PDB file of N, CA and C in Angstrom:
ATOM      1  N   UNK A   1      10.829 -62.437  -0.966  1.00  0.00           N
ATOM      2  CA  UNK A   1      12.116 -61.966  -1.324  1.00  0.00           C
ATOM      3  C   UNK A   1      12.111 -60.470  -1.514  1.00  0.00           C
ATOM      4  N   UNK A   2      11.025 -59.880  -1.923  1.00  0.00           N
ATOM      5  CA  UNK A   2      10.952 -58.475  -2.151  1.00  0.00           C
ATOM      6  C   UNK A   2      11.056 -57.647  -0.874  1.00  0.00           C
ATOM      7  N   UNK A   3      10.693 -58.270   0.269  1.00  0.00           N
ATOM      8  CA  UNK A   3      10.822 -57.535   1.541  1.00  0.00           C
ATOM      9  C   UNK A   3      12.242 -57.518   2.049  1.00  0.00           C
ATOM     10  N   UNK A   4      13.120 -58.376   1.586  1.00  0.00           N
ATOM     11  CA  UNK A   4      14.529 -58.421   2.075  1.00  0.00           C
ATOM     12  C   UNK A   4      15.254 -57.102   1.717  1.00  0.00           C
ATOM     13  N   UNK A   5      15.043 -56.602   0.526  1.00  0.00           N
ATOM     14  CA  UNK A   5      15.784 -55.423   0.088  1.00  0.00           C
ATOM     15  C   UNK A   5      15.398 -54.185   0.956  1.00  0.00           C
ATOM     16  N   UNK A   6      14.100 -53.910   1.194  1.00  0.00           N
ATOM     17  CA  UNK A   6      13.805 -52.775   2.083  1.00  0.00           C
ATOM     18  C   UNK A   6      14.363 -52.949   3.504  1.00  0.00           C
ATOM     19  N   UNK A   7      14.355 -54.201   4.039  1.00  0.00           N
ATOM     20  CA  UNK A   7      14.939 -54.432   5.378  1.00  0.00           C
ATOM     21  C   UNK A   7      16.408 -54.099   5.412  1.00  0.00           C
ATOM     22  N   UNK A   8      17.082 -54.516   4.332  1.00  0.00           N
ATOM     23  CA  UNK A   8      18.507 -54.207   4.253  1.00  0.00           C
ATOM     24  C   UNK A   8      18.754 -52.704   4.196  1.00  0.00           C
ATOM     25  N   UNK A   9      17.955 -52.017   3.465  1.00  0.00           N
ATOM     26  CA  UNK A   9      18.074 -50.571   3.382  1.00  0.00           C
ATOM     27  C   UNK A   9      17.843 -49.896   4.728  1.00  0.00           C
ATOM     28  N   UNK A  10      16.830 -50.411   5.465  1.00  0.00           N
ATOM     29  CA  UNK A  10      16.542 -49.876   6.773  1.00  0.00           C
ATOM     30  C   UNK A  10      17.699 -50.111   7.710  1.00  0.00           C
ATOM     31  N   UNK A  11      18.274 -51.325   7.655  1.00  0.00           N
ATOM     32  CA  UNK A  11      19.444 -51.629   8.479  1.00  0.00           C
ATOM     33  C   UNK A  11      20.640 -50.767   8.142  1.00  0.00           C
ATOM     34  N   UNK A  12      20.872 -50.564   6.882  1.00  0.00           N
ATOM     35  CA  UNK A  12      22.029 -49.758   6.465  1.00  0.00           C
ATOM     36  C   UNK A  12      21.830 -48.303   6.889  1.00  0.00           C
ATOM     37  N   UNK A  13      20.622 -47.792   6.664  1.00  0.00           N
ATOM     38  CA  UNK A  13      20.347 -46.397   7.058  1.00  0.00           C
ATOM     39  C   UNK A  13      20.471 -46.248   8.597  1.00  0.00           C
ATOM     40  N   UNK A  14      19.978 -47.215   9.314  1.00  0.00           N
ATOM     41  CA  UNK A  14      20.100 -47.219  10.773  1.00  0.00           C
ATOM     42  C   UNK A  14      21.521 -47.255  11.225  1.00  0.00           C
ATOM     43  N   UNK A  15      22.330 -48.085  10.578  1.00  0.00           N
ATOM     44  CA  UNK A  15      23.765 -48.154  10.963  1.00  0.00           C
ATOM     45  C   UNK A  15      24.483 -46.875  10.664  1.00  0.00           C
ATOM     46  N   UNK A  16      24.142 -46.279   9.510  1.00  0.00           N
ATOM     47  CA  UNK A  16      24.782 -44.959   9.202  1.00  0.00           C
ATOM     48  C   UNK A  16      24.409 -43.905  10.235  1.00  0.00           C
ATOM     49  N   UNK A  17      23.143 -43.850  10.587  1.00  0.00           N
ATOM     50  CA  UNK A  17      22.688 -42.843  11.584  1.00  0.00           C
ATOM     51  C   UNK A  17      23.373 -43.081  12.930  1.00  0.00           C
ATOM     52  N   UNK A  18      23.505 -44.316  13.355  1.00  0.00           N
ATOM     53  CA  UNK A  18      24.192 -44.631  14.589  1.00  0.00           C
ATOM     54  C   UNK A  18      25.655 -44.213  14.515  1.00  0.00           C
ATOM     55  N   UNK A  19      26.285 -44.451  13.374  1.00  0.00           N
ATOM     56  CA  UNK A  19      27.690 -44.088  13.189  1.00  0.00           C
ATOM     57  C   UNK A  19      27.868 -42.558  13.240  1.00  0.00           C
ATOM     58  N   UNK A  20      26.973 -41.834  12.595  1.00  0.00           N
ATOM     59  CA  UNK A  20      27.033 -40.341  12.618  1.00  0.00           C
ATOM     60  C   UNK A  20      26.803 -39.856  14.041  1.00  0.00           C
ATOM     61  N   UNK A  21      25.861 -40.445  14.740  1.00  0.00           N
ATOM     62  CA  UNK A  21      25.638 -40.080  16.158  1.00  0.00           C
ATOM     63  C   UNK A  21      26.848 -40.304  17.035  1.00  0.00           C
ATOM     64  N   UNK A  22      27.514 -41.431  16.865  1.00  0.00           N
ATOM     65  CA  UNK A  22      28.720 -41.709  17.663  1.00  0.00           C
ATOM     66  C   UNK A  22      29.814 -40.695  17.339  1.00  0.00           C
ATOM     67  N   UNK A  23      30.013 -40.394  16.061  1.00  0.00           N
ATOM     68  CA  UNK A  23      31.018 -39.429  15.677  1.00  0.00           C
ATOM     69  C   UNK A  23      30.740 -38.021  16.291  1.00  0.00           C
ATOM     70  N   UNK A  24      29.469 -37.670  16.274  1.00  0.00           N
ATOM     71  CA  UNK A  24      29.096 -36.372  16.868  1.00  0.00           C
ATOM     72  C   UNK A  24      29.357 -36.348  18.357  1.00  0.00           C
ATOM     73  N   UNK A  25      28.990 -37.420  19.050  1.00  0.00           N
ATOM     74  CA  UNK A  25      29.211 -37.453  20.492  1.00  0.00           C
ATOM     75  C   UNK A  25      30.679 -37.450  20.832  1.00  0.00           C
ATOM     76  N   UNK A  26      31.450 -38.200  20.122  1.00  0.00           N
ATOM     77  CA  UNK A  26      32.908 -38.256  20.327  1.00  0.00           C
ATOM     78  C   UNK A  26      33.525 -36.882  20.033  1.00  0.00           C
ATOM     79  N   UNK A  27      33.054 -36.236  19.036  1.00  0.00           N
ATOM     80  CA  UNK A  27      33.596 -34.905  18.662  1.00  0.00           C
ATOM     81  C   UNK A  27      33.227 -33.888  19.722  1.00  0.00           C
ATOM     82  N   UNK A  28      32.025 -34.005  20.295  1.00  0.00           N
ATOM     83  CA  UNK A  28      31.624 -33.067  21.342  1.00  0.00           C
ATOM     84  C   UNK A  28      32.475 -33.213  22.583  1.00  0.00           C
ATOM     85  N   UNK A  29      32.900 -34.449  22.940  1.00  0.00           N
ATOM     86  CA  UNK A  29      33.791 -34.650  24.035  1.00  0.00           C
ATOM     87  C   UNK A  29      35.150 -34.045  23.759  1.00  0.00           C
ATOM     88  N   UNK A  30      35.635 -34.219  22.528  1.00  0.00           N
ATOM     89  CA  UNK A  30      36.921 -33.647  22.165  1.00  0.00           C
ATOM     90  C   UNK A  30      36.868 -32.128  22.214  1.00  0.00           C
ATOM     91  N   UNK A  31      35.795 -31.508  21.685  1.00  0.00           N
ATOM     92  CA  UNK A  31      35.672 -30.072  21.703  1.00  0.00           C
ATOM     93  C   UNK A  31      35.647 -29.561  23.149  1.00  0.00           C
ATOM     94  N   UNK A  32      34.939 -30.243  24.046  1.00  0.00           N
ATOM     95  CA  UNK A  32      34.867 -29.832  25.419  1.00  0.00           C
ATOM     96  C   UNK A  32      36.184 -29.865  26.098  1.00  0.00           C
ATOM     97  N   UNK A  33      36.995 -30.979  25.824  1.00  0.00           N
ATOM     98  CA  UNK A  33      38.296 -31.056  26.463  1.00  0.00           C
ATOM     99  C   UNK A  33      39.277 -30.066  25.887  1.00  0.00           C
ATOM    100  N   UNK A  34      39.177 -29.755  24.609  1.00  0.00           N
ATOM    101  CA  UNK A  34      40.029 -28.729  24.050  1.00  0.00           C
ATOM    102  C   UNK A  34      39.683 -27.348  24.580  1.00  0.00           C
ATOM    103  N   UNK A  35      38.390 -27.097  24.768  1.00  0.00           N
ATOM    104  CA  UNK A  35      37.953 -25.817  25.270  1.00  0.00           C
ATOM    105  C   UNK A  35      38.418 -25.594  26.723  1.00  0.00           C
ATOM    106  N   UNK A  36      38.635 -26.632  27.486  1.00  0.00           N
ATOM    107  CA  UNK A  36      38.999 -26.506  28.893  1.00  0.00           C
ATOM    108  C   UNK A  36      40.414 -25.927  29.045  1.00  0.00           C
ATOM    109  N   UNK A  37      41.202 -25.854  27.973  1.00  0.00           N
ATOM    110  CA  UNK A  37      42.597 -25.382  28.082  1.00  0.00           C
ATOM    111  C   UNK A  37      42.598 -23.840  28.071  1.00  0.00           C
ATOM    112  N   UNK A  38      41.549 -23.242  27.762  1.00  0.00           N
ATOM    113  CA  UNK A  38      41.514 -21.770  27.789  1.00  0.00           C
ATOM    114  C   UNK A  38      41.268 -21.184  26.408  1.00  0.00           C
ATOM    115  N   UNK A  39      40.686 -19.999  26.393  1.00  0.00           N
ATOM    116  CA  UNK A  39      40.353 -19.345  25.132  1.00  0.00           C
ATOM    117  C   UNK A  39      41.676 -18.732  24.545  1.00  0.00           C
ATOM    118  N   UNK A  40      41.428 -17.874  23.548  1.00  0.00           N
ATOM    119  CA  UNK A  40      42.565 -17.231  22.865  1.00  0.00           C
ATOM    120  C   UNK A  40      43.432 -16.479  23.824  1.00  0.00           C
ATOM    121  N   UNK A  41      42.868 -15.893  24.852  1.00  0.00           N
ATOM    122  CA  UNK A  41      43.623 -15.158  25.831  1.00  0.00           C
ATOM    123  C   UNK A  41      44.041 -15.970  27.050  1.00  0.00           C
ATOM    124  N   UNK A  42      43.768 -17.288  27.030  1.00  0.00           N
ATOM    125  CA  UNK A  42      44.120 -18.154  28.126  1.00  0.00           C
ATOM    126  C   UNK A  42      43.160 -18.021  29.307  1.00  0.00           C
ATOM    127  N   UNK A  43      41.942 -17.714  29.042  1.00  0.00           N
ATOM    128  CA  UNK A  43      40.921 -17.577  30.086  1.00  0.00           C
ATOM    129  C   UNK A  43      40.182 -18.873  30.257  1.00  0.00           C
ATOM    130  N   UNK A  44      40.216 -19.457  31.412  1.00  0.00           N
ATOM    131  CA  UNK A  44      39.479 -20.643  31.785  1.00  0.00           C
ATOM    132  C   UNK A  44      38.733 -20.334  33.056  1.00  0.00           C
ATOM    133  N   UNK A  45      37.408 -20.647  33.083  1.00  0.00           N
ATOM    134  CA  UNK A  45      36.593 -20.368  34.262  1.00  0.00           C
ATOM    135  C   UNK A  45      35.963 -21.630  34.785  1.00  0.00           C
ATOM    136  N   UNK A  46      35.600 -21.625  36.073  1.00  0.00           N
ATOM    137  CA  UNK A  46      34.930 -22.726  36.735  1.00  0.00           C
ATOM    138  C   UNK A  46      33.566 -22.206  37.139  1.00  0.00           C
ATOM    139  N   UNK A  47      32.574 -23.066  37.066  1.00  0.00           N
ATOM    140  CA  UNK A  47      31.202 -22.706  37.392  1.00  0.00           C
ATOM    141  C   UNK A  47      30.985 -22.919  38.898  1.00  0.00           C
ATOM    142  N   UNK A  48      30.413 -21.862  39.531  1.00  0.00           N
ATOM    143  CA  UNK A  48      30.168 -21.909  40.990  1.00  0.00           C
ATOM    144  C   UNK A  48      28.680 -22.244  41.285  1.00  0.00           C
ATOM    145  N   UNK A  49      27.768 -22.099  40.291  1.00  0.00           N
ATOM    146  CA  UNK A  49      26.368 -22.358  40.513  1.00  0.00           C
ATOM    147  C   UNK A  49      26.102 -23.899  40.406  1.00  0.00           C
ATOM    148  N   UNK A  50      25.023 -24.340  40.953  1.00  0.00           N
ATOM    149  CA  UNK A  50      24.630 -25.740  40.800  1.00  0.00           C
ATOM    150  C   UNK A  50      24.451 -26.067  39.307  1.00  0.00           C
ATOM    151  N   UNK A  51      23.683 -25.238  38.628  1.00  0.00           N
ATOM    152  CA  UNK A  51      23.466 -25.342  37.195  1.00  0.00           C
ATOM    153  C   UNK A  51      23.526 -23.933  36.644  1.00  0.00           C
ATOM    154  N   UNK A  52      24.322 -23.675  35.616  1.00  0.00           N
ATOM    155  CA  UNK A  52      24.443 -22.341  35.047  1.00  0.00           C
ATOM    156  C   UNK A  52      23.939 -22.387  33.584  1.00  0.00           C
ATOM    157  N   UNK A  53      22.964 -21.506  33.332  1.00  0.00           N
ATOM    158  CA  UNK A  53      22.451 -21.389  31.937  1.00  0.00           C
ATOM    159  C   UNK A  53      23.410 -20.629  31.074  1.00  0.00           C
ATOM    160  N   UNK A  54      23.644 -21.105  29.842  1.00  0.00           N
ATOM    161  CA  UNK A  54      24.411 -20.422  28.853  1.00  0.00           C
ATOM    162  C   UNK A  54      23.376 -19.822  27.893  1.00  0.00           C
ATOM    163  N   UNK A  55      23.516 -18.536  27.622  1.00  0.00           N
ATOM    164  CA  UNK A  55      22.548 -17.836  26.797  1.00  0.00           C
ATOM    165  C   UNK A  55      23.108 -17.375  25.491  1.00  0.00           C
ATOM    166  N   UNK A  56      22.247 -17.115  24.533  1.00  0.00           N
ATOM    167  CA  UNK A  56      22.632 -16.709  23.160  1.00  0.00           C
ATOM    168  C   UNK A  56      23.102 -15.293  23.111  1.00  0.00           C
ATOM    169  N   UNK A  57      22.824 -14.501  24.107  1.00  0.00           N
ATOM    170  CA  UNK A  57      23.230 -13.096  24.172  1.00  0.00           C
ATOM    171  C   UNK A  57      23.359 -12.694  25.644  1.00  0.00           C
ATOM    172  N   UNK A  58      24.078 -11.626  25.895  1.00  0.00           N
ATOM    173  CA  UNK A  58      24.331 -11.145  27.295  1.00  0.00           C
ATOM    174  C   UNK A  58      23.066 -10.490  27.887  1.00  0.00           C
ATOM    175  N   UNK A  59      22.072 -11.303  28.100  1.00  0.00           N
ATOM    176  CA  UNK A  59      20.747 -10.804  28.592  1.00  0.00           C
ATOM    177  C   UNK A  59      20.037 -11.953  29.301  1.00  0.00           C
ATOM    178  N   UNK A  60      19.457 -11.707  30.501  1.00  0.00           N
ATOM    179  CA  UNK A  60      18.800 -12.743  31.242  1.00  0.00           C
ATOM    180  C   UNK A  60      17.594 -13.308  30.509  1.00  0.00           C
ATOM    181  N   UNK A  61      17.060 -12.535  29.529  1.00  0.00           N
ATOM    182  CA  UNK A  61      15.915 -12.999  28.746  1.00  0.00           C
ATOM    183  C   UNK A  61      16.282 -13.667  27.453  1.00  0.00           C
ATOM    184  N   UNK A  62      17.573 -13.773  27.137  1.00  0.00           N
ATOM    185  CA  UNK A  62      18.035 -14.378  25.877  1.00  0.00           C
ATOM    186  C   UNK A  62      17.805 -15.878  25.941  1.00  0.00           C
ATOM    187  N   UNK A  63      17.708 -16.493  24.806  1.00  0.00           N
ATOM    188  CA  UNK A  63      17.475 -17.941  24.686  1.00  0.00           C
ATOM    189  C   UNK A  63      18.612 -18.724  25.359  1.00  0.00           C
ATOM    190  N   UNK A  64      18.193 -19.776  26.121  1.00  0.00           N
ATOM    191  CA  UNK A  64      19.168 -20.670  26.728  1.00  0.00           C
ATOM    192  C   UNK A  64      19.672 -21.646  25.682  1.00  0.00           C
ATOM    193  N   UNK A  65      21.010 -21.650  25.458  1.00  0.00           N
ATOM    194  CA  UNK A  65      21.598 -22.513  24.417  1.00  0.00           C
ATOM    195  C   UNK A  65      22.453 -23.639  24.984  1.00  0.00           C
ATOM    196  N   UNK A  66      22.569 -23.687  26.296  1.00  0.00           N
ATOM    197  CA  UNK A  66      23.320 -24.723  26.924  1.00  0.00           C
ATOM    198  C   UNK A  66      23.324 -24.572  28.440  1.00  0.00           C
ATOM    199  N   UNK A  67      23.963 -25.471  29.136  1.00  0.00           N
ATOM    200  CA  UNK A  67      24.007 -25.452  30.579  1.00  0.00           C
ATOM    201  C   UNK A  67      25.331 -26.047  31.042  1.00  0.00           C
ATOM    202  N   UNK A  68      25.820 -25.569  32.183  1.00  0.00           N
ATOM    203  CA  UNK A  68      27.017 -26.113  32.819  1.00  0.00           C
ATOM    204  C   UNK A  68      26.633 -26.532  34.221  1.00  0.00           C
ATOM    205  N   UNK A  69      27.197 -27.610  34.701  1.00  0.00           N
ATOM    206  CA  UNK A  69      27.016 -28.090  36.064  1.00  0.00           C
ATOM    207  C   UNK A  69      28.088 -27.509  36.943  1.00  0.00           C
ATOM    208  N   UNK A  70      27.844 -27.558  38.249  1.00  0.00           N
ATOM    209  CA  UNK A  70      28.802 -27.042  39.260  1.00  0.00           C
ATOM    210  C   UNK A  70      30.175 -27.622  39.048  1.00  0.00           C
ATOM    211  N   UNK A  71      31.172 -26.764  39.163  1.00  0.00           N
ATOM    212  CA  UNK A  71      32.606 -27.121  39.030  1.00  0.00           C
ATOM    213  C   UNK A  71      33.044 -27.438  37.592  1.00  0.00           C
ATOM    214  N   UNK A  72      32.130 -27.308  36.607  1.00  0.00           N
ATOM    215  CA  UNK A  72      32.606 -27.491  35.226  1.00  0.00           C
ATOM    216  C   UNK A  72      33.588 -26.401  34.881  1.00  0.00           C
ATOM    217  N   UNK A  73      34.564 -26.726  34.061  1.00  0.00           N
ATOM    218  CA  UNK A  73      35.515 -25.725  33.592  1.00  0.00           C
ATOM    219  C   UNK A  73      35.341 -25.575  32.111  1.00  0.00           C
ATOM    220  N   UNK A  74      35.504 -24.377  31.633  1.00  0.00           N
ATOM    221  CA  UNK A  74      35.355 -24.084  30.194  1.00  0.00           C
ATOM    222  C   UNK A  74      36.260 -22.911  29.803  1.00  0.00           C
ATOM    223  N   UNK A  75      36.603 -22.894  28.553  1.00  0.00           N
ATOM    224  CA  UNK A  75      37.322 -21.749  28.015  1.00  0.00           C
ATOM    225  C   UNK A  75      36.360 -20.580  27.932  1.00  0.00           C
ATOM    226  N   UNK A  76      36.870 -19.412  28.088  1.00  0.00           N
ATOM    227  CA  UNK A  76      36.048 -18.179  28.003  1.00  0.00           C
ATOM    228  C   UNK A  76      36.881 -17.096  27.341  1.00  0.00           C
ATOM    229  N   UNK A  77      36.229 -16.008  27.082  1.00  0.00           N
ATOM    230  CA  UNK A  77      36.919 -14.835  26.530  1.00  0.00           C
ATOM    231  C   UNK A  77      36.945 -13.739  27.593  1.00  0.00           C
ATOM    232  N   UNK A  78      37.871 -12.830  27.457  1.00  0.00           N
ATOM    233  CA  UNK A  78      37.940 -11.730  28.458  1.00  0.00           C
ATOM    234  C   UNK A  78      36.830 -10.709  28.286  1.00  0.00           C
ATOM    235  N   UNK A  79      35.913 -10.906  27.353  1.00  0.00           N
ATOM    236  CA  UNK A  79      34.799  -9.967  27.098  1.00  0.00           C
ATOM    237  C   UNK A  79      33.699 -10.140  28.122  1.00  0.00           C
ATOM    238  N   UNK A  80      33.365  -9.069  28.838  1.00  0.00           N
ATOM    239  CA  UNK A  80      32.278  -9.083  29.737  1.00  0.00           C
ATOM    240  C   UNK A  80      31.331  -7.942  29.357  1.00  0.00           C
ATOM    241  N   UNK A  81      30.061  -8.255  29.254  1.00  0.00           N
ATOM    242  CA  UNK A  81      29.036  -7.284  28.855  1.00  0.00           C
ATOM    243  C   UNK A  81      27.751  -7.528  29.631  1.00  0.00           C
ATOM    244  N   UNK A  82      27.212  -6.473  30.237  1.00  0.00           N
ATOM    245  CA  UNK A  82      25.965  -6.540  30.957  1.00  0.00           C
ATOM    246  C   UNK A  82      25.961  -7.647  31.985  1.00  0.00           C
ATOM    247  N   UNK A  83      27.107  -7.876  32.641  1.00  0.00           N
ATOM    248  CA  UNK A  83      27.188  -8.900  33.658  1.00  0.00           C
ATOM    249  C   UNK A  83      27.314 -10.337  33.166  1.00  0.00           C
ATOM    250  N   UNK A  84      27.611 -10.484  31.882  1.00  0.00           N
ATOM    251  CA  UNK A  84      27.808 -11.781  31.304  1.00  0.00           C
ATOM    252  C   UNK A  84      29.214 -11.890  30.681  1.00  0.00           C
ATOM    253  N   UNK A  85      29.805 -13.074  30.821  1.00  0.00           N
ATOM    254  CA  UNK A  85      31.128 -13.316  30.145  1.00  0.00           C
ATOM    255  C   UNK A  85      30.845 -14.102  28.892  1.00  0.00           C
ATOM    256  N   UNK A  86      31.553 -13.713  27.831  1.00  0.00           N
ATOM    257  CA  UNK A  86      31.459 -14.419  26.545  1.00  0.00           C
ATOM    258  C   UNK A  86      32.233 -15.750  26.649  1.00  0.00           C
ATOM    259  N   UNK A  87      31.530 -16.842  26.373  1.00  0.00           N
ATOM    260  CA  UNK A  87      32.110 -18.153  26.421  1.00  0.00           C
ATOM    261  C   UNK A  87      32.612 -18.511  25.001  1.00  0.00           C
ATOM    262  N   UNK A  88      31.797 -18.219  24.032  1.00  0.00           N
ATOM    263  CA  UNK A  88      32.062 -18.518  22.649  1.00  0.00           C
ATOM    264  C   UNK A  88      31.105 -17.664  21.815  1.00  0.00           C
ATOM    265  N   UNK A  89      31.163 -17.744  20.523  1.00  0.00           N
ATOM    266  CA  UNK A  89      30.253 -17.034  19.637  1.00  0.00           C
ATOM    267  C   UNK A  89      28.798 -17.371  20.020  1.00  0.00           C
ATOM    268  N   UNK A  90      27.993 -16.391  20.346  1.00  0.00           N
ATOM    269  CA  UNK A  90      26.577 -16.542  20.723  1.00  0.00           C
ATOM    270  C   UNK A  90      26.397 -17.438  21.963  1.00  0.00           C
ATOM    271  N   UNK A  91      27.371 -17.398  22.867  1.00  0.00           N
ATOM    272  CA  UNK A  91      27.240 -18.145  24.136  1.00  0.00           C
ATOM    273  C   UNK A  91      27.820 -17.236  25.281  1.00  0.00           C
ATOM    274  N   UNK A  92      26.919 -16.954  26.192  1.00  0.00           N
ATOM    275  CA  UNK A  92      27.234 -16.026  27.289  1.00  0.00           C
ATOM    276  C   UNK A  92      26.755 -16.653  28.606  1.00  0.00           C
ATOM    277  N   UNK A  93      27.520 -16.419  29.677  1.00  0.00           N
ATOM    278  CA  UNK A  93      27.131 -16.938  31.003  1.00  0.00           C
ATOM    279  C   UNK A  93      27.318 -15.831  32.048  1.00  0.00           C
ATOM    280  N   UNK A  94      26.459 -15.789  33.027  1.00  0.00           N
ATOM    281  CA  UNK A  94      26.443 -14.782  34.051  1.00  0.00           C
ATOM    282  C   UNK A  94      27.760 -14.811  34.834  1.00  0.00           C
ATOM    283  N   UNK A  95      28.457 -13.680  34.928  1.00  0.00           N
ATOM    284  CA  UNK A  95      29.749 -13.609  35.619  1.00  0.00           C
ATOM    285  C   UNK A  95      29.668 -13.948  37.091  1.00  0.00           C
ATOM    286  N   UNK A  96      28.498 -13.691  37.688  1.00  0.00           N
ATOM    287  CA  UNK A  96      28.295 -13.937  39.142  1.00  0.00           C
ATOM    288  C   UNK A  96      28.582 -15.416  39.484  1.00  0.00           C
ATOM    289  N   UNK A  97      28.459 -16.283  38.534  1.00  0.00           N
ATOM    290  CA  UNK A  97      28.604 -17.739  38.741  1.00  0.00           C
ATOM    291  C   UNK A  97      29.772 -18.352  38.049  1.00  0.00           C
ATOM    292  N   UNK A  98      30.707 -17.511  37.629  1.00  0.00           N
ATOM    293  CA  UNK A  98      31.942 -17.982  36.996  1.00  0.00           C
ATOM    294  C   UNK A  98      33.165 -17.467  37.796  1.00  0.00           C
ATOM    295  N   UNK A  99      34.102 -18.321  38.017  1.00  0.00           N
ATOM    296  CA  UNK A  99      35.306 -18.009  38.766  1.00  0.00           C
ATOM    297  C   UNK A  99      36.516 -18.365  37.918  1.00  0.00           C
ATOM    298  N   UNK A 100      37.367 -17.382  37.529  1.00  0.00           N
ATOM    299  CA  UNK A 100      38.544 -17.770  36.797  1.00  0.00           C
ATOM    300  C   UNK A 100      39.425 -18.749  37.567  1.00  0.00           C
ATOM    301  N   UNK A 101      39.935 -19.762  36.892  1.00  0.00           N
ATOM    302  CA  UNK A 101      40.809 -20.722  37.571  1.00  0.00           C
ATOM    303  C   UNK A 101      42.194 -20.123  37.818  1.00  0.00           C
ATOM    304  N   UNK A 102      42.920 -20.711  38.741  1.00  0.00           N
ATOM    305  CA  UNK A 102      44.248 -20.168  39.050  1.00  0.00           C
ATOM    306  C   UNK A 102      45.111 -20.090  37.801  1.00  0.00           C
ATOM    307  N   UNK A 103      45.753 -18.943  37.642  1.00  0.00           N
ATOM    308  CA  UNK A 103      46.618 -18.782  36.482  1.00  0.00           C
ATOM    309  C   UNK A 103      45.933 -18.340  35.204  1.00  0.00           C
ATOM    310  N   UNK A 104      44.609 -18.250  35.239  1.00  0.00           N
ATOM    311  CA  UNK A 104      43.878 -17.871  34.043  1.00  0.00           C
ATOM    312  C   UNK A 104      44.047 -16.399  33.769  1.00  0.00           C
ATOM    313  N   UNK A 105      44.084 -16.039  32.487  1.00  0.00           N
ATOM    314  CA  UNK A 105      44.191 -14.598  32.106  1.00  0.00           C
ATOM    315  C   UNK A 105      42.842 -14.191  31.540  1.00  0.00           C
ATOM    316  N   UNK A 106      41.931 -13.764  32.380  1.00  0.00           N
ATOM    317  CA  UNK A 106      40.581 -13.411  31.949  1.00  0.00           C
ATOM    318  C   UNK A 106      40.303 -11.948  31.903  1.00  0.00           C
ATOM    319  N   UNK A 107      41.334 -11.148  31.990  1.00  0.00           N
ATOM    320  CA  UNK A 107      41.196  -9.701  31.817  1.00  0.00           C
ATOM    321  C   UNK A 107      40.537  -9.001  32.923  1.00  0.00           C
TER     322      UNK A 107
END
């Protein structure tokens, strides 16, 4: 009988972790779809590379903090520095591989 309580705790903890994971994944999908409508200035870009690295700073040697696949669309800012467009705070992507979508105001 003493083993039943720890098993219940393990199951409860596991269920909570799964729940938190699902909430996180669902929130990420929502954030991505919200971001696709354009940044504060209405800038939305499409990725032209097969895979585009997103970096922590506008530098080819900066840490990779994400990736976009070909034809992905994302909100961006009109800020361009050192050949990189600012996607979000601490997220930059090479402008050579980003194409503003029709009607986007990317500056």
